[in-house]
C-alpha atoms as a PDB file:
ATOM      1  CA  MET A   1     -96.580   3.697  59.451  1.00  0.00           C
ATOM      2  CA  LYS A   2     -93.960   2.042  61.660  1.00  0.00           C
ATOM      3  CA  PRO A   3     -90.291   2.877  61.043  1.00  0.00           C
ATOM      4  CA  SER A   4     -89.595  -0.748  60.074  1.00  0.00           C
ATOM      5  CA  SER A   5     -92.382  -0.668  57.478  1.00  0.00           C
ATOM      6  CA  MET A   6     -91.068   2.600  56.070  1.00  0.00           C
ATOM      7  CA  PHE A   7     -87.603   1.005  55.659  1.00  0.00           C
ATOM      8  CA  VAL A   8     -89.079  -1.966  53.704  1.00  0.00           C
ATOM      9  CA  VAL A   9     -90.962   0.385  51.352  1.00  0.00           C
ATOM     10  CA  PHE A  10     -87.809   2.475  50.819  1.00  0.00           C
ATOM     11  CA  ALA A  11     -85.707  -0.609  50.079  1.00  0.00           C
ATOM     12  CA  MET A  12     -88.272  -1.929  47.600  1.00  0.00           C
ATOM     13  CA  SER A  13     -88.359   1.423  45.823  1.00  0.00           C
ATOM     14  CA  LEU A  14     -84.579   1.317  45.423  1.00  0.00           C
ATOM     15  CA  LEU A  15     -84.764  -2.189  43.952  1.00  0.00           C
ATOM     16  CA  LEU A  16     -87.491  -1.150  41.521  1.00  0.00           C
ATOM     17  CA  ALA A  17     -85.518   1.918  40.503  1.00  0.00           C
ATOM     18  CA  GLY A  18     -82.426  -0.227  39.927  1.00  0.00           C
ATOM     19  CA  SER A  19     -84.389  -2.700  37.823  1.00  0.00           C
ATOM     20  CA  SER A  20     -85.864   0.126  35.770  1.00  0.00           C
ATOM     21  CA  TYR A  21     -82.405   1.624  35.196  1.00  0.00           C
ATOM     22  CA  ALA A  22     -80.955  -1.738  34.150  1.00  0.00           C
ATOM     23  CA  GLY A  23     -83.750  -2.215  31.674  1.00  0.00           C
ATOM     24  CA  GLN A  24     -82.901   1.106  30.042  1.00  0.00           C
ATOM     25  CA  ALA A  25     -79.199   0.255  29.515  1.00  0.00           C
ATOM     26  CA  GLY A  26     -77.985   0.945  25.970  1.00  0.00           C
ATOM     27  CA  PRO A  27     -77.508  -1.849  23.402  1.00  0.00           C
ATOM     28  CA  GLU A  28     -74.144  -3.513  22.880  1.00  0.00           C
ATOM     29  CA  PHE A  29     -71.856  -1.926  20.296  1.00  0.00           C
ATOM     30  CA  GLU A  30     -72.571  -3.028  16.726  1.00  0.00           C
ATOM     31  CA  PRO A  31     -69.916  -2.281  14.083  1.00  0.00           C
ATOM     32  CA  ARG A  32     -70.912  -0.476  10.899  1.00  0.00           C
ATOM     33  CA  VAL A  33     -69.236  -1.178   7.560  1.00  0.00           C
ATOM     34  CA  GLY A  34     -67.347   1.938   6.548  1.00  0.00           C
ATOM     35  CA  GLN A  35     -66.969   3.278  10.075  1.00  0.00           C
ATOM     36  CA  GLU A  36     -63.832   5.347  10.493  1.00  0.00           C
ATOM     37  CA  GLY A  37     -60.817   4.018  12.323  1.00  0.00           C
ATOM     38  CA  LYS A  38     -57.412   5.448  13.148  1.00  0.00           C
ATOM     39  CA  ASP A  39     -55.805   4.641   9.800  1.00  0.00           C
ATOM     40  CA  VAL A  40     -58.520   2.892   7.768  1.00  0.00           C
ATOM     41  CA  ILE A  41     -62.267   2.506   7.586  1.00  0.00           C
ATOM     42  CA  TRP A  42     -63.656  -0.850   8.707  1.00  0.00           C
ATOM     43  CA  VAL A  43     -64.692  -3.340   6.038  1.00  0.00           C
ATOM     44  CA  PRO A  44     -64.889  -6.976   7.182  1.00  0.00           C
ATOM     45  CA  THR A  45     -62.914  -9.629   5.328  1.00  0.00           C
ATOM     46  CA  PRO A  46     -65.323 -12.174   3.781  1.00  0.00           C
ATOM     47  CA  GLN A  47     -65.149 -15.448   5.703  1.00  0.00           C
ATOM     48  CA  ALA A  48     -64.294 -17.359   2.531  1.00  0.00           C
ATOM     49  CA  LEU A  49     -61.213 -15.178   2.114  1.00  0.00           C
ATOM     50  CA  VAL A  50     -60.279 -15.522   5.790  1.00  0.00           C
ATOM     51  CA  ASP A  51     -60.208 -19.281   5.263  1.00  0.00           C
ATOM     52  CA  LYS A  52     -58.152 -18.942   2.078  1.00  0.00           C
ATOM     53  CA  MET A  53     -55.635 -16.608   3.745  1.00  0.00           C
ATOM     54  CA  LEU A  54     -55.060 -19.050   6.599  1.00  0.00           C
ATOM     55  CA  ASP A  55     -54.807 -21.933   4.113  1.00  0.00           C
ATOM     56  CA  MET A  56     -52.185 -20.047   2.086  1.00  0.00           C
ATOM     57  CA  ALA A  57     -50.169 -19.421   5.255  1.00  0.00           C
ATOM     58  CA  LYS A  58     -50.501 -23.115   6.150  1.00  0.00           C
ATOM     59  CA  VAL A  59     -51.640 -22.211   9.663  1.00  0.00           C
ATOM     60  CA  THR A  60     -51.437 -25.053  12.184  1.00  0.00           C
ATOM     61  CA  ALA A  61     -51.894 -25.429  15.922  1.00  0.00           C
ATOM     62  CA  LYS A  62     -48.142 -24.809  16.302  1.00  0.00           C
ATOM     63  CA  ASP A  63     -48.387 -21.279  14.909  1.00  0.00           C
ATOM     64  CA  TYR A  64     -48.834 -17.974  16.695  1.00  0.00           C
ATOM     65  CA  VAL A  65     -50.987 -15.767  14.487  1.00  0.00           C
ATOM     66  CA  ILE A  66     -51.234 -11.983  14.814  1.00  0.00           C
ATOM     67  CA  ASP A  67     -53.901 -10.054  12.913  1.00  0.00           C
ATOM     68  CA  LEU A  68     -53.080  -6.394  12.327  1.00  0.00           C
ATOM     69  CA  GLY A  69     -56.245  -4.313  12.528  1.00  0.00           C
ATOM     70  CA  SER A  70     -58.386  -7.200  13.740  1.00  0.00           C
ATOM     71  CA  GLY A  71     -61.804  -5.523  13.509  1.00  0.00           C
ATOM     72  CA  ASP A  72     -64.560  -7.816  14.773  1.00  0.00           C
ATOM     73  CA  GLY A  73     -62.040 -10.600  15.436  1.00  0.00           C
ATOM     74  CA  ARG A  74     -63.117 -13.052  12.761  1.00  0.00           C
ATOM     75  CA  THR A  75     -59.606 -13.864  11.485  1.00  0.00           C
ATOM     76  CA  VAL A  76     -58.255 -14.371  15.002  1.00  0.00           C
ATOM     77  CA  ILE A  77     -61.237 -16.524  15.942  1.00  0.00           C
ATOM     78  CA  THR A  78     -60.903 -18.632  12.788  1.00  0.00           C
ATOM     79  CA  ALA A  79     -57.195 -19.207  13.499  1.00  0.00           C
ATOM     80  CA  ALA A  80     -58.038 -20.155  17.088  1.00  0.00           C
ATOM     81  CA  LYS A  81     -60.571 -22.704  15.819  1.00  0.00           C
ATOM     82  CA  ARG A  82     -57.672 -24.295  13.942  1.00  0.00           C
ATOM     83  CA  GLY A  83     -55.866 -24.678  17.261  1.00  0.00           C
ATOM     84  CA  SER A  84     -53.533 -21.697  16.930  1.00  0.00           C
ATOM     85  CA  LYS A  85     -52.817 -19.125  19.577  1.00  0.00           C
ATOM     86  CA  ALA A  86     -53.907 -15.872  17.958  1.00  0.00           C
ATOM     87  CA  LEU A  87     -53.798 -12.184  18.835  1.00  0.00           C
ATOM     88  CA  GLY A  88     -55.747  -9.339  17.290  1.00  0.00           C
ATOM     89  CA  ILE A  89     -54.293  -5.829  17.434  1.00  0.00           C
ATOM     90  CA  GLU A  90     -57.039  -3.218  17.080  1.00  0.00           C
ATOM     91  CA  TYR A  91     -57.108   0.502  17.867  1.00  0.00           C
ATOM     92  CA  ASN A  92     -60.885   0.828  18.421  1.00  0.00           C
ATOM     93  CA  PRO A  93     -61.695  -0.231  22.014  1.00  0.00           C
ATOM     94  CA  ASP A  94     -65.319  -1.012  21.112  1.00  0.00           C
ATOM     95  CA  MET A  95     -64.140  -3.429  18.429  1.00  0.00           C
ATOM     96  CA  VAL A  96     -61.752  -5.031  20.902  1.00  0.00           C
ATOM     97  CA  GLU A  97     -64.581  -5.695  23.361  1.00  0.00           C
ATOM     98  CA  LEU A  98     -66.826  -6.939  20.551  1.00  0.00           C
ATOM     99  CA  SER A  99     -64.078  -9.345  19.462  1.00  0.00           C
ATOM    100  CA  LYS A 100     -63.723 -10.686  22.977  1.00  0.00           C
ATOM    101  CA  ARG A 101     -67.479 -11.330  23.121  1.00  0.00           C
ATOM    102  CA  ASN A 102     -67.387 -13.028  19.718  1.00  0.00           C
ATOM    103  CA  ALA A 103     -64.493 -15.244  20.824  1.00  0.00           C
ATOM    104  CA  ALA A 104     -66.402 -16.211  23.974  1.00  0.00           C
ATOM    105  CA  LYS A 105     -69.484 -17.108  21.910  1.00  0.00           C
ATOM    106  CA  GLU A 106     -67.313 -19.336  19.698  1.00  0.00           C
ATOM    107  CA  GLY A 107     -65.661 -20.980  22.710  1.00  0.00           C
ATOM    108  CA  VAL A 108     -62.096 -19.943  21.848  1.00  0.00           C
ATOM    109  CA  SER A 109     -61.329 -17.321  24.491  1.00  0.00           C
ATOM    110  CA  ASP A 110     -58.471 -19.516  25.721  1.00  0.00           C
ATOM    111  CA  LYS A 111     -56.677 -19.197  22.354  1.00  0.00           C
ATOM    112  CA  ALA A 112     -57.962 -15.898  20.935  1.00  0.00           C
ATOM    113  CA  SER A 113     -56.921 -12.644  22.591  1.00  0.00           C
ATOM    114  CA  PHE A 114     -57.239  -9.004  21.600  1.00  0.00           C
ATOM    115  CA  ALA A 115     -55.312  -5.860  22.448  1.00  0.00           C
ATOM    116  CA  LYS A 116     -56.191  -2.213  22.029  1.00  0.00           C
ATOM    117  CA  ALA A 117     -52.978  -0.887  20.478  1.00  0.00           C
ATOM    118  CA  ASP A 118     -51.393   1.098  17.660  1.00  0.00           C
ATOM    119  CA  LEU A 119     -49.967  -1.103  14.892  1.00  0.00           C
ATOM    120  CA  PHE A 120     -46.881   1.077  14.532  1.00  0.00           C
ATOM    121  CA  GLU A 121     -46.062   0.804  18.225  1.00  0.00           C
ATOM    122  CA  SER A 122     -46.776  -2.925  18.592  1.00  0.00           C
ATOM    123  CA  ASP A 123     -44.311  -5.795  18.790  1.00  0.00           C
ATOM    124  CA  PHE A 124     -45.316  -8.694  16.562  1.00  0.00           C
ATOM    125  CA  SER A 125     -41.876 -10.281  16.316  1.00  0.00           C
ATOM    126  CA  GLN A 126     -43.017 -13.539  17.939  1.00  0.00           C
ATOM    127  CA  ALA A 127     -45.601 -14.338  15.249  1.00  0.00           C
ATOM    128  CA  GLN A 128     -45.146 -17.152  12.754  1.00  0.00           C
ATOM    129  CA  VAL A 129     -48.063 -15.774  10.716  1.00  0.00           C
ATOM    130  CA  ILE A 130     -49.288 -12.202  10.264  1.00  0.00           C
ATOM    131  CA  THR A 131     -52.606 -11.398   8.612  1.00  0.00           C
ATOM    132  CA  MET A 132     -53.885  -7.979   7.611  1.00  0.00           C
ATOM    133  CA  PHE A 133     -56.439  -5.996   5.625  1.00  0.00           C
ATOM    134  CA  LEU A 134     -54.871  -2.559   5.508  1.00  0.00           C
ATOM    135  CA  LEU A 135     -54.282   0.065   2.837  1.00  0.00           C
ATOM    136  CA  PRO A 136     -51.229  -0.062   0.511  1.00  0.00           C
ATOM    137  CA  ASP A 137     -49.529   2.954   2.097  1.00  0.00           C
ATOM    138  CA  ILE A 138     -49.863   1.388   5.555  1.00  0.00           C
ATOM    139  CA  ASN A 139     -48.489  -1.919   4.255  1.00  0.00           C
ATOM    140  CA  ILE A 140     -45.459  -0.054   2.911  1.00  0.00           C
ATOM    141  CA  ARG A 141     -44.982   1.831   6.197  1.00  0.00           C
ATOM    142  CA  LEU A 142     -45.022  -1.523   8.005  1.00  0.00           C
ATOM    143  CA  ARG A 143     -42.799  -3.228   5.413  1.00  0.00           C
ATOM    144  CA  PRO A 144     -39.392  -2.434   6.998  1.00  0.00           C
ATOM    145  CA  LYS A 145     -40.603  -3.847  10.311  1.00  0.00           C
ATOM    146  CA  ILE A 146     -41.990  -6.918   8.565  1.00  0.00           C
ATOM    147  CA  LEU A 147     -38.742  -7.530   6.671  1.00  0.00           C
ATOM    148  CA  ASP A 148     -36.900  -7.532  10.016  1.00  0.00           C
ATOM    149  CA  LEU A 149     -39.007 -10.454  11.257  1.00  0.00           C
ATOM    150  CA  LYS A 150     -37.602 -13.954  11.512  1.00  0.00           C
ATOM    151  CA  PRO A 151     -36.990 -15.496   8.062  1.00  0.00           C
ATOM    152  CA  GLY A 152     -39.862 -17.775   7.156  1.00  0.00           C
ATOM    153  CA  THR A 153     -42.549 -15.669   8.837  1.00  0.00           C
ATOM    154  CA  ARG A 154     -45.661 -15.813   6.627  1.00  0.00           C
ATOM    155  CA  ILE A 155     -47.501 -12.590   5.803  1.00  0.00           C
ATOM    156  CA  VAL A 156     -50.976 -12.668   4.245  1.00  0.00           C
ATOM    157  CA  SER A 157     -52.843  -9.583   3.056  1.00  0.00           C
ATOM    158  CA  ASN A 158     -56.398  -9.124   1.874  1.00  0.00           C
ATOM    159  CA  SER A 159     -56.450  -7.238  -1.460  1.00  0.00           C
ATOM    160  CA  PHE A 160     -53.525  -4.867  -0.929  1.00  0.00           C
ATOM    161  CA  THR A 161     -49.897  -5.402  -1.877  1.00  0.00           C
ATOM    162  CA  MET A 162     -46.477  -4.412  -0.521  1.00  0.00           C
ATOM    163  CA  GLY A 163     -45.405  -2.064  -3.284  1.00  0.00           C
ATOM    164  CA  ASP A 164     -42.472  -3.466  -5.273  1.00  0.00           C
ATOM    165  CA  TRP A 165     -42.133  -6.488  -2.977  1.00  0.00           C
ATOM    166  CA  SER A 166     -43.798  -9.105  -5.192  1.00  0.00           C
ATOM    167  CA  SER A 167     -45.907 -11.720  -3.450  1.00  0.00           C
ATOM    168  CA  ASP A 168     -44.801 -15.351  -3.339  1.00  0.00           C
ATOM    169  CA  GLU A 169     -48.354 -16.504  -3.974  1.00  0.00           C
ATOM    170  CA  THR A 170     -51.638 -14.888  -5.035  1.00  0.00           C
ATOM    171  CA  ASN A 171     -55.124 -16.393  -4.900  1.00  0.00           C
ATOM    172  CA  THR A 172     -58.597 -15.086  -5.688  1.00  0.00           C
ATOM    173  CA  VAL A 173     -61.689 -16.611  -4.086  1.00  0.00           C
ATOM    174  CA  LYS A 174     -64.686 -16.812  -6.412  1.00  0.00           C
ATOM    175  CA  GLU A 175     -67.209 -18.675  -4.262  1.00  0.00           C
ATOM    176  CA  GLY A 176     -68.613 -17.036  -1.135  1.00  0.00           C
ATOM    177  CA  CYS A 177     -66.924 -13.718  -1.872  1.00  0.00           C
ATOM    178  CA  VAL A 178     -68.236 -10.701  -3.761  1.00  0.00           C
ATOM    179  CA  SER A 179     -65.689  -7.957  -3.036  1.00  0.00           C
ATOM    180  CA  TYR A 180     -62.145  -7.873  -1.624  1.00  0.00           C
ATOM    181  CA  CYS A 181     -61.561 -11.455  -2.708  1.00  0.00           C
ATOM    182  CA  THR A 182     -57.809 -11.603  -3.463  1.00  0.00           C
ATOM    183  CA  ALA A 183     -55.160 -12.715  -0.988  1.00  0.00           C
ATOM    184  CA  TYR A 184     -51.385 -12.201  -1.211  1.00  0.00           C
ATOM    185  CA  LEU A 185     -48.745 -14.254   0.587  1.00  0.00           C
ATOM    186  CA  TRP A 186     -45.158 -13.235   1.318  1.00  0.00           C
ATOM    187  CA  ILE A 187     -42.477 -15.284   3.061  1.00  0.00           C
ATOM    188  CA  VAL A 188     -40.017 -13.078   4.943  1.00  0.00           C
ATOM    189  CA  PRO A 189     -36.616 -13.781   3.350  1.00  0.00           C
ATOM    190  CA  ALA A 190     -33.290 -14.156   5.107  1.00  0.00           C
ATOM    191  CA  LYS A 191     -30.831 -11.302   4.587  1.00  0.00           C
ATOM    192  CA  VAL A 192     -27.968 -12.531   2.420  1.00  0.00           C
ATOM    193  CA  GLU A 193     -26.743  -9.541   0.428  1.00  0.00           C
ATOM    194  CA  GLY A 194     -22.965  -9.239   0.405  1.00  0.00           C
ATOM    195  CA  SER A 195     -19.869 -11.385  -0.083  1.00  0.00           C
ATOM    196  CA  TRP A 196     -19.598 -15.015   0.989  1.00  0.00           C
ATOM    197  CA  GLN A 197     -16.587 -17.309   0.918  1.00  0.00           C
ATOM    198  CA  MET A 198     -17.072 -20.779  -0.556  1.00  0.00           C
ATOM    199  CA  PRO A 199     -14.495 -23.507  -1.234  1.00  0.00           C
ATOM    200  CA  GLN A 200     -15.326 -22.919  -4.912  1.00  0.00           C
ATOM    201  CA  GLY A 201     -14.533 -19.210  -4.613  1.00  0.00           C
ATOM    202  CA  GLU A 202     -16.200 -15.936  -3.678  1.00  0.00           C
ATOM    203  CA  LEU A 203     -19.985 -15.723  -3.868  1.00  0.00           C
ATOM    204  CA  THR A 204     -21.347 -12.190  -4.209  1.00  0.00           C
ATOM    205  CA  LEU A 205     -25.090 -11.784  -3.770  1.00  0.00           C
ATOM    206  CA  LYS A 206     -27.343  -8.850  -4.511  1.00  0.00           C
ATOM    207  CA  GLN A 207     -30.776  -9.145  -2.917  1.00  0.00           C
ATOM    208  CA  THR A 208     -34.104  -7.585  -3.875  1.00  0.00           C
ATOM    209  CA  TYR A 209     -36.487  -9.025  -1.298  1.00  0.00           C
ATOM    210  CA  GLN A 210     -36.634 -12.781  -2.097  1.00  0.00           C
ATOM    211  CA  MET A 211     -34.913 -12.480  -5.487  1.00  0.00           C
ATOM    212  CA  LEU A 212     -31.136 -12.881  -5.892  1.00  0.00           C
ATOM    213  CA  THR A 213     -28.564 -11.992  -8.506  1.00  0.00           C
ATOM    214  CA  GLY A 214     -24.768 -11.914  -8.313  1.00  0.00           C
ATOM    215  CA  THR A 215     -21.644 -13.820  -9.239  1.00  0.00           C
ATOM    216  CA  LEU A 216     -19.538 -16.792  -8.197  1.00  0.00           C
ATOM    217  CA  LYS A 217     -15.880 -16.028  -8.819  1.00  0.00           C
ATOM    218  CA  SER A 218     -13.399 -18.894  -8.876  1.00  0.00           C
ATOM    219  CA  GLY A 219      -9.878 -17.842  -9.738  1.00  0.00           C
ATOM    220  CA  SER A 220     -10.077 -15.858 -12.967  1.00  0.00           C
ATOM    221  CA  THR A 221     -13.489 -17.277 -13.851  1.00  0.00           C
ATOM    222  CA  SER A 222     -16.656 -15.431 -12.893  1.00  0.00           C
ATOM    223  CA  SER A 223     -20.101 -17.001 -13.356  1.00  0.00           C
ATOM    224  CA  ALA A 224     -23.364 -15.080 -13.114  1.00  0.00           C
ATOM    225  CA  ILE A 225     -25.954 -16.273 -10.619  1.00  0.00           C
ATOM    226  CA  ALA A 226     -29.152 -17.539 -12.256  1.00  0.00           C
ATOM    227  CA  ASN A 227     -32.532 -18.484 -10.773  1.00  0.00           C
ATOM    228  CA  GLY A 228     -31.502 -17.062  -7.404  1.00  0.00           C
ATOM    229  CA  LYS A 229     -34.290 -17.087  -4.841  1.00  0.00           C
ATOM    230  CA  LEU A 230     -34.999 -17.203  -1.121  1.00  0.00           C
ATOM    231  CA  ASN A 231     -37.920 -18.934   0.532  1.00  0.00           C
ATOM    232  CA  GLY A 232     -37.521 -17.839   4.126  1.00  0.00           C
ATOM    233  CA  ASP A 233     -34.139 -19.227   5.126  1.00  0.00           C
ATOM    234  CA  GLN A 234     -33.988 -21.604   2.153  1.00  0.00           C
ATOM    235  CA  ILE A 235     -31.732 -20.431  -0.675  1.00  0.00           C
ATOM    236  CA  SER A 236     -31.336 -21.728  -4.214  1.00  0.00           C
ATOM    237  CA  PHE A 237     -29.351 -20.551  -7.247  1.00  0.00           C
ATOM    238  CA  SER A 238     -27.352 -21.772 -10.215  1.00  0.00           C
ATOM    239  CA  ALA A 239     -23.779 -20.815 -11.092  1.00  0.00           C
ATOM    240  CA  GLY A 240     -21.280 -22.261 -13.547  1.00  0.00           C
ATOM    241  CA  GLY A 241     -23.716 -24.965 -14.608  1.00  0.00           C
ATOM    242  CA  VAL A 242     -24.232 -26.200 -11.035  1.00  0.00           C
ATOM    243  CA  ASP A 243     -27.483 -25.930  -9.063  1.00  0.00           C
ATOM    244  CA  TYR A 244     -27.095 -25.086  -5.379  1.00  0.00           C
ATOM    245  CA  SER A 245     -29.632 -25.225  -2.545  1.00  0.00           C
ATOM    246  CA  GLY A 246     -29.131 -24.692   1.147  1.00  0.00           C
ATOM    247  CA  ARG A 247     -30.219 -23.129   4.399  1.00  0.00           C
ATOM    248  CA  VAL A 248     -29.155 -19.725   5.680  1.00  0.00           C
ATOM    249  CA  SER A 249     -28.291 -19.487   9.358  1.00  0.00           C
ATOM    250  CA  GLY A 250     -26.964 -16.064  10.278  1.00  0.00           C
ATOM    251  CA  ASN A 251     -23.535 -15.723   8.693  1.00  0.00           C
ATOM    252  CA  SER A 252     -23.336 -19.206   7.235  1.00  0.00           C
ATOM    253  CA  ILE A 253     -25.063 -21.218   4.540  1.00  0.00           C
ATOM    254  CA  GLU A 254     -24.936 -24.995   4.258  1.00  0.00           C
ATOM    255  CA  GLY A 255     -26.490 -27.220   1.644  1.00  0.00           C
ATOM    256  CA  LEU A 256     -26.103 -29.606  -1.236  1.00  0.00           C
ATOM    257  CA  ALA A 257     -25.301 -29.055  -4.884  1.00  0.00           C
ATOM    258  CA  LYS A 258     -27.343 -30.966  -7.436  1.00  0.00           C
ATOM    259  CA  THR A 259     -24.260 -33.137  -7.953  1.00  0.00           C
ATOM    260  CA  GLY A 260     -24.765 -34.379  -4.392  1.00  0.00           C
ATOM    261  CA  ALA A 261     -21.713 -32.600  -3.032  1.00  0.00           C
ATOM    262  CA  ALA A 262     -22.062 -30.656   0.210  1.00  0.00           C
ATOM    263  CA  TRP A 263     -21.258 -26.955   0.083  1.00  0.00           C
ATOM    264  CA  LYS A 264     -20.820 -24.206   2.636  1.00  0.00           C
ATOM    265  CA  ALA A 265     -20.492 -20.446   2.504  1.00  0.00           C
ATOM    266  CA  THR A 266     -19.403 -18.034   5.212  1.00  0.00           C
ATOM    267  CA  ARG A 267     -20.241 -14.322   5.152  1.00  0.00           C
ATOM    268  CA  LYS A 268     -17.114 -12.232   4.666  1.00  0.00           C
END
């Protein structure tokens, strides 16, 4: 056999070997319900509940959504289909790659992204909406970080609560969901505890998450705060027979009393 013919045979054998090897490549990763993760086992959120969670958070194309423990990416992908920019934070690298493939199949890779990261070391301060399906003890460990987020940030959890921080809204899906069918919504409240000076007198507020108690002292008269509540940076309460509502901005509050009179308070 001529040298040139020997080279052709050798080259063809390499190609055949390569084709054979490619054909024996392992299958793509497939997640298994109950598989162990860093902090939790993986159980997918039913799609019906994903939709309800995003509805409760009033997700729009203007929102940046971050899903904590994003699994196969379904919540991130659903948010992206609504026009939102969305990020999934997931510790399992195989799940991250699976999520990227799923996003590509759904045509939302431009809006849906995924990062292999530890929840407790991640920065999610830019999110307007945070979704999660974690265990109660993890929710509580994350709670201080969540409460430091911008007032008005919406937090939605599948099935598990935030300890003694009561939810602002709770919904249970009955159609299209068999297990893990309850969603909880919290609105991160502004921080208002302390003393505030008003033209009417001194306003003292005690805050337990979004609930408020306290007093409004005017001269020798002190009135207890009633119906005090925060909804993000929106504050409302009653004192001395007058209903107040306003907006908190750092160390000042401005709003209107039910009488129509403007009011202002400055943190002391």
